[in-house]
Amino acid sequence: MSLEIGTDHDPQHWHDQTRATDGNRINALRAAVLGANDGIVSTAGIVMGVAGATSDRTALLIAGAAGLVAGAMSMATGEYVSVSTQRDAEKSILKLEAEELVAMPETEERELGLMLQAKGISPALATKVARELTEHDALAAHAEFEFGIDPDELTNPWHAAWASMLAFTLGALLPLLCVLLVPASLRIAVTVGAVALALVLTGYVSAKLSLSPRLRAIVRNVGGGLLSMGVTYLIGSLVGMGIA
């Protein structure tokens, strides 16, 4: 039985390293898309709510900037904690599996063969494949078949945290700048239009990453964002009238 990892000159090792890089990149991209979407929607809701109550640019700037900073930090912390928990669980599983492979290698090999049979492979071929997988990299084979984990592709919490924070900041800047830079008479219309277009983009990218229907994702994304802005603007207007 061999638990050795391939060398840099091993084609399989190069393939595994490429998969690990792609997996972390996709994870960071997912966090970035979610962060940008949250930045757009939450900040748009804040500034629209304040805009409903007052047209004062200073008040809009303070509210929008506070929402941007708080939201970006919250997104980064949430992603880091969530992905770190997942990574810790993956490490614990790999450690336990490695110990079992050392303690009872024959039992683990038979278990791998049974899992292959459950996928439709004949008993004789499953036994042969299990033996070859065990000799190549027993830990990787068991981790993938039992738990869907690639030891070379563990999730990276820092990638997700930074991607989410930066994307949230960029997304939040759109409604904030629209409200601050556009004349008061056009402020609401321009902000709503810009946010809707941005949500079309994030909805499209999100659907593409998840291989889900794009139109449905876009409609859901834009609809949720417009509803959020509408509710907060209405509440802001009511509060503004109460104060006045």
C-alpha atoms as a PDB file:
ATOM      1  CA  MET A   1       0.000   0.000   0.000  1.00  0.00           C
ATOM      2  CA  SER A   2       1.294   3.452  -0.846  1.00  0.00           C
ATOM      3  CA  LEU A   3       0.188   6.794   0.505  1.00  0.00           C
ATOM      4  CA  GLU A   4       2.847   8.771  -1.336  1.00  0.00           C
ATOM      5  CA  ILE A   5       2.010  11.926  -3.213  1.00  0.00           C
ATOM      6  CA  GLY A   6       3.278  12.162  -6.761  1.00  0.00           C
ATOM      7  CA  THR A   7       6.326  14.260  -7.639  1.00  0.00           C
ATOM      8  CA  ASP A   8       6.261  17.485  -9.645  1.00  0.00           C
ATOM      9  CA  HIS A   9       7.192  15.451 -12.725  1.00  0.00           C
ATOM     10  CA  ASP A  10       4.228  13.125 -12.329  1.00  0.00           C
ATOM     11  CA  PRO A  11       1.435  14.015 -14.838  1.00  0.00           C
ATOM     12  CA  GLN A  12      -1.212  12.973 -12.315  1.00  0.00           C
ATOM     13  CA  HIS A  13       0.341  15.264  -9.693  1.00  0.00           C
ATOM     14  CA  TRP A  14       0.312  18.155 -12.181  1.00  0.00           C
ATOM     15  CA  HIS A  15      -3.359  17.419 -12.936  1.00  0.00           C
ATOM     16  CA  ASP A  16      -4.244  17.360  -9.217  1.00  0.00           C
ATOM     17  CA  GLN A  17      -2.447  20.643  -8.627  1.00  0.00           C
ATOM     18  CA  THR A  18      -4.332  22.208 -11.534  1.00  0.00           C
ATOM     19  CA  ARG A  19      -7.636  20.985 -10.091  1.00  0.00           C
ATOM     20  CA  ALA A  20      -6.726  22.472  -6.707  1.00  0.00           C
ATOM     21  CA  THR A  21      -5.951  25.843  -8.268  1.00  0.00           C
ATOM     22  CA  ASP A  22      -9.176  25.807 -10.285  1.00  0.00           C
ATOM     23  CA  GLY A  23     -11.209  24.814  -7.227  1.00  0.00           C
ATOM     24  CA  ASN A  24      -9.851  27.655  -5.112  1.00  0.00           C
ATOM     25  CA  ARG A  25     -10.345  30.090  -7.973  1.00  0.00           C
ATOM     26  CA  ILE A  26     -13.973  29.057  -8.386  1.00  0.00           C
ATOM     27  CA  ASN A  27     -14.531  29.316  -4.635  1.00  0.00           C
ATOM     28  CA  ALA A  28     -13.079  32.846  -4.599  1.00  0.00           C
ATOM     29  CA  LEU A  29     -15.135  33.806  -7.642  1.00  0.00           C
ATOM     30  CA  ARG A  30     -18.312  32.527  -6.001  1.00  0.00           C
ATOM     31  CA  ALA A  31     -17.580  34.574  -2.892  1.00  0.00           C
ATOM     32  CA  ALA A  32     -16.838  37.614  -5.063  1.00  0.00           C
ATOM     33  CA  VAL A  33     -20.134  37.373  -6.946  1.00  0.00           C
ATOM     34  CA  LEU A  34     -22.121  36.977  -3.729  1.00  0.00           C
ATOM     35  CA  GLY A  35     -20.195  39.819  -2.116  1.00  0.00           C
ATOM     36  CA  ALA A  36     -20.778  42.165  -5.042  1.00  0.00           C
ATOM     37  CA  ASN A  37     -24.466  41.328  -5.106  1.00  0.00           C
ATOM     38  CA  ASP A  38     -24.843  41.925  -1.370  1.00  0.00           C
ATOM     39  CA  GLY A  39     -22.881  45.157  -1.642  1.00  0.00           C
ATOM     40  CA  ILE A  40     -25.160  46.454  -4.365  1.00  0.00           C
ATOM     41  CA  VAL A  41     -28.435  45.469  -2.718  1.00  0.00           C
ATOM     42  CA  SER A  42     -27.676  46.344   0.899  1.00  0.00           C
ATOM     43  CA  THR A  43     -26.029  49.694   0.168  1.00  0.00           C
ATOM     44  CA  ALA A  44     -28.713  50.611  -2.345  1.00  0.00           C
ATOM     45  CA  GLY A  45     -31.314  49.849   0.310  1.00  0.00           C
ATOM     46  CA  ILE A  46     -29.536  52.055   2.848  1.00  0.00           C
ATOM     47  CA  VAL A  47     -29.024  55.072   0.593  1.00  0.00           C
ATOM     48  CA  MET A  48     -32.501  54.787  -0.889  1.00  0.00           C
ATOM     49  CA  GLY A  49     -33.987  54.710   2.591  1.00  0.00           C
ATOM     50  CA  VAL A  50     -32.050  57.812   3.587  1.00  0.00           C
ATOM     51  CA  ALA A  51     -32.843  59.483   0.253  1.00  0.00           C
ATOM     52  CA  GLY A  52     -36.520  58.933   0.964  1.00  0.00           C
ATOM     53  CA  ALA A  53     -36.156  60.883   4.203  1.00  0.00           C
ATOM     54  CA  THR A  54     -33.742  63.634   3.150  1.00  0.00           C
ATOM     55  CA  SER A  55     -31.869  65.010   0.152  1.00  0.00           C
ATOM     56  CA  ASP A  56     -28.868  66.087   2.244  1.00  0.00           C
ATOM     57  CA  ARG A  57     -25.686  64.732   0.630  1.00  0.00           C
ATOM     58  CA  THR A  58     -23.779  64.615   3.901  1.00  0.00           C
ATOM     59  CA  ALA A  59     -26.397  62.369   5.477  1.00  0.00           C
ATOM     60  CA  LEU A  60     -26.363  60.141   2.388  1.00  0.00           C
ATOM     61  CA  LEU A  61     -22.560  59.941   2.438  1.00  0.00           C
ATOM     62  CA  ILE A  62     -22.410  59.044   6.134  1.00  0.00           C
ATOM     63  CA  ALA A  63     -25.114  56.385   5.859  1.00  0.00           C
ATOM     64  CA  GLY A  64     -23.701  54.895   2.652  1.00  0.00           C
ATOM     65  CA  ALA A  65     -20.096  54.870   3.857  1.00  0.00           C
ATOM     66  CA  ALA A  66     -21.056  53.292   7.184  1.00  0.00           C
ATOM     67  CA  GLY A  67     -23.073  50.632   5.396  1.00  0.00           C
ATOM     68  CA  LEU A  68     -20.196  49.954   2.981  1.00  0.00           C
ATOM     69  CA  VAL A  69     -17.551  49.500   5.681  1.00  0.00           C
ATOM     70  CA  ALA A  70     -19.773  47.474   8.017  1.00  0.00           C
ATOM     71  CA  GLY A  71     -21.031  45.286   5.204  1.00  0.00           C
ATOM     72  CA  ALA A  72     -17.576  44.624   3.747  1.00  0.00           C
ATOM     73  CA  MET A  73     -16.170  43.622   7.136  1.00  0.00           C
ATOM     74  CA  SER A  74     -19.194  41.475   7.887  1.00  0.00           C
ATOM     75  CA  MET A  75     -18.953  39.668   4.549  1.00  0.00           C
ATOM     76  CA  ALA A  76     -15.220  39.024   4.970  1.00  0.00           C
ATOM     77  CA  THR A  77     -15.645  37.722   8.514  1.00  0.00           C
ATOM     78  CA  GLY A  78     -18.604  35.559   7.598  1.00  0.00           C
ATOM     79  CA  GLU A  79     -16.830  33.972   4.629  1.00  0.00           C
ATOM     80  CA  TYR A  80     -13.648  33.381   6.640  1.00  0.00           C
ATOM     81  CA  VAL A  81     -15.479  31.717   9.522  1.00  0.00           C
ATOM     82  CA  SER A  82     -17.672  29.630   7.237  1.00  0.00           C
ATOM     83  CA  VAL A  83     -14.900  28.405   4.949  1.00  0.00           C
ATOM     84  CA  SER A  84     -12.487  27.859   7.880  1.00  0.00           C
ATOM     85  CA  THR A  85     -15.066  25.602   9.518  1.00  0.00           C
ATOM     86  CA  GLN A  86     -15.401  23.632   6.294  1.00  0.00           C
ATOM     87  CA  ARG A  87     -11.613  23.354   5.934  1.00  0.00           C
ATOM     88  CA  ASP A  88     -11.213  22.182   9.549  1.00  0.00           C
ATOM     89  CA  ALA A  89     -13.832  19.492   8.952  1.00  0.00           C
ATOM     90  CA  GLU A  90     -12.042  18.360   5.783  1.00  0.00           C
ATOM     91  CA  LYS A  91      -8.714  18.134   7.634  1.00  0.00           C
ATOM     92  CA  SER A  92     -10.264  16.116  10.458  1.00  0.00           C
ATOM     93  CA  ILE A  93     -11.808  13.681   8.003  1.00  0.00           C
ATOM     94  CA  LEU A  94      -8.514  13.236   6.143  1.00  0.00           C
ATOM     95  CA  LYS A  95      -6.616  12.666   9.398  1.00  0.00           C
ATOM     96  CA  LEU A  96      -9.095  10.029  10.553  1.00  0.00           C
ATOM     97  CA  GLU A  97      -9.075   8.303   7.175  1.00  0.00           C
ATOM     98  CA  ALA A  98      -5.273   8.226   7.087  1.00  0.00           C
ATOM     99  CA  GLU A  99      -5.204   6.602  10.521  1.00  0.00           C
ATOM    100  CA  GLU A 100      -7.710   3.961   9.419  1.00  0.00           C
ATOM    101  CA  LEU A 101      -5.654   3.198   6.310  1.00  0.00           C
ATOM    102  CA  VAL A 102      -2.603   2.543   8.482  1.00  0.00           C
ATOM    103  CA  ALA A 103      -4.518   0.517  11.083  1.00  0.00           C
ATOM    104  CA  MET A 104      -6.580  -1.684   8.724  1.00  0.00           C
ATOM    105  CA  PRO A 105      -5.466  -1.334   5.092  1.00  0.00           C
ATOM    106  CA  GLU A 106      -7.108  -4.556   3.875  1.00  0.00           C
ATOM    107  CA  THR A 107     -10.485  -3.606   5.352  1.00  0.00           C
ATOM    108  CA  GLU A 108     -10.283  -0.154   3.812  1.00  0.00           C
ATOM    109  CA  GLU A 109      -9.405  -1.619   0.419  1.00  0.00           C
ATOM    110  CA  ARG A 110     -12.388  -3.983   0.557  1.00  0.00           C
ATOM    111  CA  GLU A 111     -14.576  -1.029   1.551  1.00  0.00           C
ATOM    112  CA  LEU A 112     -13.363   0.897  -1.484  1.00  0.00           C
ATOM    113  CA  GLY A 113     -14.182  -2.076  -3.690  1.00  0.00           C
ATOM    114  CA  LEU A 114     -17.718  -2.232  -2.291  1.00  0.00           C
ATOM    115  CA  MET A 115     -18.196   1.480  -2.986  1.00  0.00           C
ATOM    116  CA  LEU A 116     -17.104   0.917  -6.575  1.00  0.00           C
ATOM    117  CA  GLN A 117     -19.551  -1.967  -6.897  1.00  0.00           C
ATOM    118  CA  ALA A 118     -22.318   0.295  -5.607  1.00  0.00           C
ATOM    119  CA  LYS A 119     -21.592   2.562  -8.583  1.00  0.00           C
ATOM    120  CA  GLY A 120     -22.264  -0.294 -10.988  1.00  0.00           C
ATOM    121  CA  ILE A 121     -18.805  -1.819 -11.464  1.00  0.00           C
ATOM    122  CA  SER A 122     -18.620  -5.616 -11.483  1.00  0.00           C
ATOM    123  CA  PRO A 123     -17.124  -7.234  -8.343  1.00  0.00           C
ATOM    124  CA  ALA A 124     -13.999  -8.517 -10.109  1.00  0.00           C
ATOM    125  CA  LEU A 125     -13.259  -5.196 -11.784  1.00  0.00           C
ATOM    126  CA  ALA A 126     -14.107  -3.260  -8.627  1.00  0.00           C
ATOM    127  CA  THR A 127     -11.580  -5.323  -6.661  1.00  0.00           C
ATOM    128  CA  LYS A 128      -8.921  -4.675  -9.313  1.00  0.00           C
ATOM    129  CA  VAL A 129      -9.636  -0.947  -9.470  1.00  0.00           C
ATOM    130  CA  ALA A 130      -9.655  -0.676  -5.676  1.00  0.00           C
ATOM    131  CA  ARG A 131      -6.238  -2.334  -5.537  1.00  0.00           C
ATOM    132  CA  GLU A 132      -4.779   0.001  -8.180  1.00  0.00           C
ATOM    133  CA  LEU A 133      -6.260   3.109  -6.555  1.00  0.00           C
ATOM    134  CA  THR A 134      -4.898   2.020  -3.184  1.00  0.00           C
ATOM    135  CA  GLU A 135      -1.422   1.473  -4.596  1.00  0.00           C
ATOM    136  CA  HIS A 136      -1.493   4.866  -6.332  1.00  0.00           C
ATOM    137  CA  ASP A 137      -2.932   7.045  -3.540  1.00  0.00           C
ATOM    138  CA  ALA A 138      -5.150   5.320  -1.007  1.00  0.00           C
ATOM    139  CA  LEU A 139      -5.970   8.458   0.975  1.00  0.00           C
ATOM    140  CA  ALA A 140      -7.055  10.437  -2.083  1.00  0.00           C
ATOM    141  CA  ALA A 141      -9.204   7.567  -3.338  1.00  0.00           C
ATOM    142  CA  HIS A 142     -11.037   7.063  -0.045  1.00  0.00           C
ATOM    143  CA  ALA A 143     -11.447  10.788   0.589  1.00  0.00           C
ATOM    144  CA  GLU A 144     -13.022  11.298  -2.818  1.00  0.00           C
ATOM    145  CA  PHE A 145     -15.299   8.259  -2.882  1.00  0.00           C
ATOM    146  CA  GLU A 146     -16.439   8.434   0.756  1.00  0.00           C
ATOM    147  CA  PHE A 147     -16.582  12.154   1.392  1.00  0.00           C
ATOM    148  CA  GLY A 148     -16.174  13.957  -1.929  1.00  0.00           C
ATOM    149  CA  ILE A 149     -12.933  15.598  -0.725  1.00  0.00           C
ATOM    150  CA  ASP A 150      -9.787  16.129  -2.763  1.00  0.00           C
ATOM    151  CA  PRO A 151      -6.788  16.347  -0.385  1.00  0.00           C
ATOM    152  CA  ASP A 152      -5.069  18.695  -2.847  1.00  0.00           C
ATOM    153  CA  GLU A 153      -8.130  20.942  -3.157  1.00  0.00           C
ATOM    154  CA  LEU A 154      -9.044  21.995   0.357  1.00  0.00           C
ATOM    155  CA  THR A 155     -11.020  25.207   0.598  1.00  0.00           C
ATOM    156  CA  ASN A 156      -9.061  28.407   1.314  1.00  0.00           C
ATOM    157  CA  PRO A 157     -10.782  30.795   3.778  1.00  0.00           C
ATOM    158  CA  TRP A 158      -8.483  33.735   3.008  1.00  0.00           C
ATOM    159  CA  HIS A 159      -9.276  33.644  -0.703  1.00  0.00           C
ATOM    160  CA  ALA A 160     -12.998  33.677   0.005  1.00  0.00           C
ATOM    161  CA  ALA A 161     -12.729  36.411   2.648  1.00  0.00           C
ATOM    162  CA  TRP A 162     -10.682  38.837   0.556  1.00  0.00           C
ATOM    163  CA  ALA A 163     -12.707  38.203  -2.587  1.00  0.00           C
ATOM    164  CA  SER A 164     -15.961  38.767  -0.722  1.00  0.00           C
ATOM    165  CA  MET A 165     -14.776  41.951   0.998  1.00  0.00           C
ATOM    166  CA  LEU A 166     -13.356  43.558  -2.141  1.00  0.00           C
ATOM    167  CA  ALA A 167     -16.360  42.595  -4.239  1.00  0.00           C
ATOM    168  CA  PHE A 168     -18.777  43.939  -1.621  1.00  0.00           C
ATOM    169  CA  THR A 169     -16.885  47.246  -1.596  1.00  0.00           C
ATOM    170  CA  LEU A 170     -16.974  47.571  -5.371  1.00  0.00           C
ATOM    171  CA  GLY A 171     -20.653  46.643  -5.495  1.00  0.00           C
ATOM    172  CA  ALA A 172     -21.525  49.087  -2.726  1.00  0.00           C
ATOM    173  CA  LEU A 173     -19.736  51.964  -4.466  1.00  0.00           C
ATOM    174  CA  LEU A 174     -22.195  51.879  -7.383  1.00  0.00           C
ATOM    175  CA  PRO A 175     -25.387  52.980  -5.577  1.00  0.00           C
ATOM    176  CA  LEU A 176     -23.406  55.227  -3.228  1.00  0.00           C
ATOM    177  CA  LEU A 177     -21.769  57.180  -6.059  1.00  0.00           C
ATOM    178  CA  CYS A 178     -25.030  57.368  -7.981  1.00  0.00           C
ATOM    179  CA  VAL A 179     -26.813  58.942  -5.030  1.00  0.00           C
ATOM    180  CA  LEU A 180     -23.979  61.358  -4.282  1.00  0.00           C
ATOM    181  CA  LEU A 181     -23.005  62.494  -7.774  1.00  0.00           C
ATOM    182  CA  VAL A 182     -26.329  62.623  -9.632  1.00  0.00           C
ATOM    183  CA  PRO A 183     -28.505  65.757  -9.274  1.00  0.00           C
ATOM    184  CA  ALA A 184     -31.303  65.423  -6.742  1.00  0.00           C
ATOM    185  CA  SER A 185     -34.012  65.483  -9.414  1.00  0.00           C
ATOM    186  CA  LEU A 186     -32.527  62.405 -11.152  1.00  0.00           C
ATOM    187  CA  ARG A 187     -31.028  60.695  -8.108  1.00  0.00           C
ATOM    188  CA  ILE A 188     -33.660  58.026  -7.553  1.00  0.00           C
ATOM    189  CA  ALA A 189     -34.200  57.104 -11.202  1.00  0.00           C
ATOM    190  CA  VAL A 190     -30.483  56.861 -12.012  1.00  0.00           C
ATOM    191  CA  THR A 191     -29.729  54.839  -8.887  1.00  0.00           C
ATOM    192  CA  VAL A 192     -32.544  52.381  -9.546  1.00  0.00           C
ATOM    193  CA  GLY A 193     -31.502  51.970 -13.180  1.00  0.00           C
ATOM    194  CA  ALA A 194     -27.819  51.472 -12.384  1.00  0.00           C
ATOM    195  CA  VAL A 195     -28.565  48.984  -9.616  1.00  0.00           C
ATOM    196  CA  ALA A 196     -30.947  47.007 -11.835  1.00  0.00           C
ATOM    197  CA  LEU A 197     -28.305  46.723 -14.574  1.00  0.00           C
ATOM    198  CA  ALA A 198     -25.657  45.657 -12.055  1.00  0.00           C
ATOM    199  CA  LEU A 199     -27.987  43.016 -10.631  1.00  0.00           C
ATOM    200  CA  VAL A 200     -28.592  41.678 -14.124  1.00  0.00           C
ATOM    201  CA  LEU A 201     -24.835  41.151 -14.420  1.00  0.00           C
ATOM    202  CA  THR A 202     -24.381  39.502 -11.021  1.00  0.00           C
ATOM    203  CA  GLY A 203     -27.439  37.323 -11.592  1.00  0.00           C
ATOM    204  CA  TYR A 204     -26.069  36.191 -14.942  1.00  0.00           C
ATOM    205  CA  VAL A 205     -22.622  35.375 -13.542  1.00  0.00           C
ATOM    206  CA  SER A 206     -24.116  33.565 -10.542  1.00  0.00           C
ATOM    207  CA  ALA A 207     -26.311  31.427 -12.799  1.00  0.00           C
ATOM    208  CA  LYS A 208     -23.385  30.642 -15.077  1.00  0.00           C
ATOM    209  CA  LEU A 209     -21.222  29.508 -12.158  1.00  0.00           C
ATOM    210  CA  SER A 210     -23.987  27.284 -10.786  1.00  0.00           C
ATOM    211  CA  LEU A 211     -25.072  26.050 -14.247  1.00  0.00           C
ATOM    212  CA  SER A 212     -28.643  27.102 -13.477  1.00  0.00           C
ATOM    213  CA  PRO A 213     -31.221  28.834 -15.738  1.00  0.00           C
ATOM    214  CA  ARG A 214     -29.942  32.358 -16.324  1.00  0.00           C
ATOM    215  CA  LEU A 215     -33.182  34.182 -16.974  1.00  0.00           C
ATOM    216  CA  ARG A 216     -34.753  32.900 -13.775  1.00  0.00           C
ATOM    217  CA  ALA A 217     -31.684  33.893 -11.750  1.00  0.00           C
ATOM    218  CA  ILE A 218     -31.613  37.373 -13.285  1.00  0.00           C
ATOM    219  CA  VAL A 219     -35.312  38.002 -12.700  1.00  0.00           C
ATOM    220  CA  ARG A 220     -35.041  36.785  -9.110  1.00  0.00           C
ATOM    221  CA  ASN A 221     -31.946  38.898  -8.496  1.00  0.00           C
ATOM    222  CA  VAL A 222     -33.322  42.094  -9.994  1.00  0.00           C
ATOM    223  CA  GLY A 223     -36.744  41.601  -8.416  1.00  0.00           C
ATOM    224  CA  GLY A 224     -35.271  41.158  -4.945  1.00  0.00           C
ATOM    225  CA  GLY A 225     -33.068  44.207  -5.326  1.00  0.00           C
ATOM    226  CA  LEU A 226     -35.869  46.441  -6.561  1.00  0.00           C
ATOM    227  CA  LEU A 227     -38.152  45.245  -3.772  1.00  0.00           C
ATOM    228  CA  SER A 228     -35.481  46.029  -1.196  1.00  0.00           C
ATOM    229  CA  MET A 229     -34.962  49.539  -2.546  1.00  0.00           C
ATOM    230  CA  GLY A 230     -38.685  50.168  -2.795  1.00  0.00           C
ATOM    231  CA  VAL A 231     -39.408  49.111   0.778  1.00  0.00           C
ATOM    232  CA  THR A 232     -36.544  51.092   2.287  1.00  0.00           C
ATOM    233  CA  TYR A 233     -37.396  54.168   0.217  1.00  0.00           C
ATOM    234  CA  LEU A 234     -41.007  53.984   1.379  1.00  0.00           C
ATOM    235  CA  ILE A 235     -39.965  53.615   5.012  1.00  0.00           C
ATOM    236  CA  GLY A 236     -37.508  56.492   4.655  1.00  0.00           C
ATOM    237  CA  SER A 237     -40.194  58.692   3.140  1.00  0.00           C
ATOM    238  CA  LEU A 238     -42.598  57.914   5.976  1.00  0.00           C
ATOM    239  CA  VAL A 239     -39.936  58.633   8.572  1.00  0.00           C
ATOM    240  CA  GLY A 240     -39.002  61.843   6.791  1.00  0.00           C
ATOM    241  CA  MET A 241     -42.598  63.027   6.801  1.00  0.00           C
ATOM    242  CA  GLY A 242     -42.908  62.162  10.476  1.00  0.00           C
ATOM    243  CA  ILE A 243     -39.808  64.161  11.358  1.00  0.00           C
ATOM    244  CA  ALA A 244     -40.881  67.107   9.214  1.00  0.00           C
END
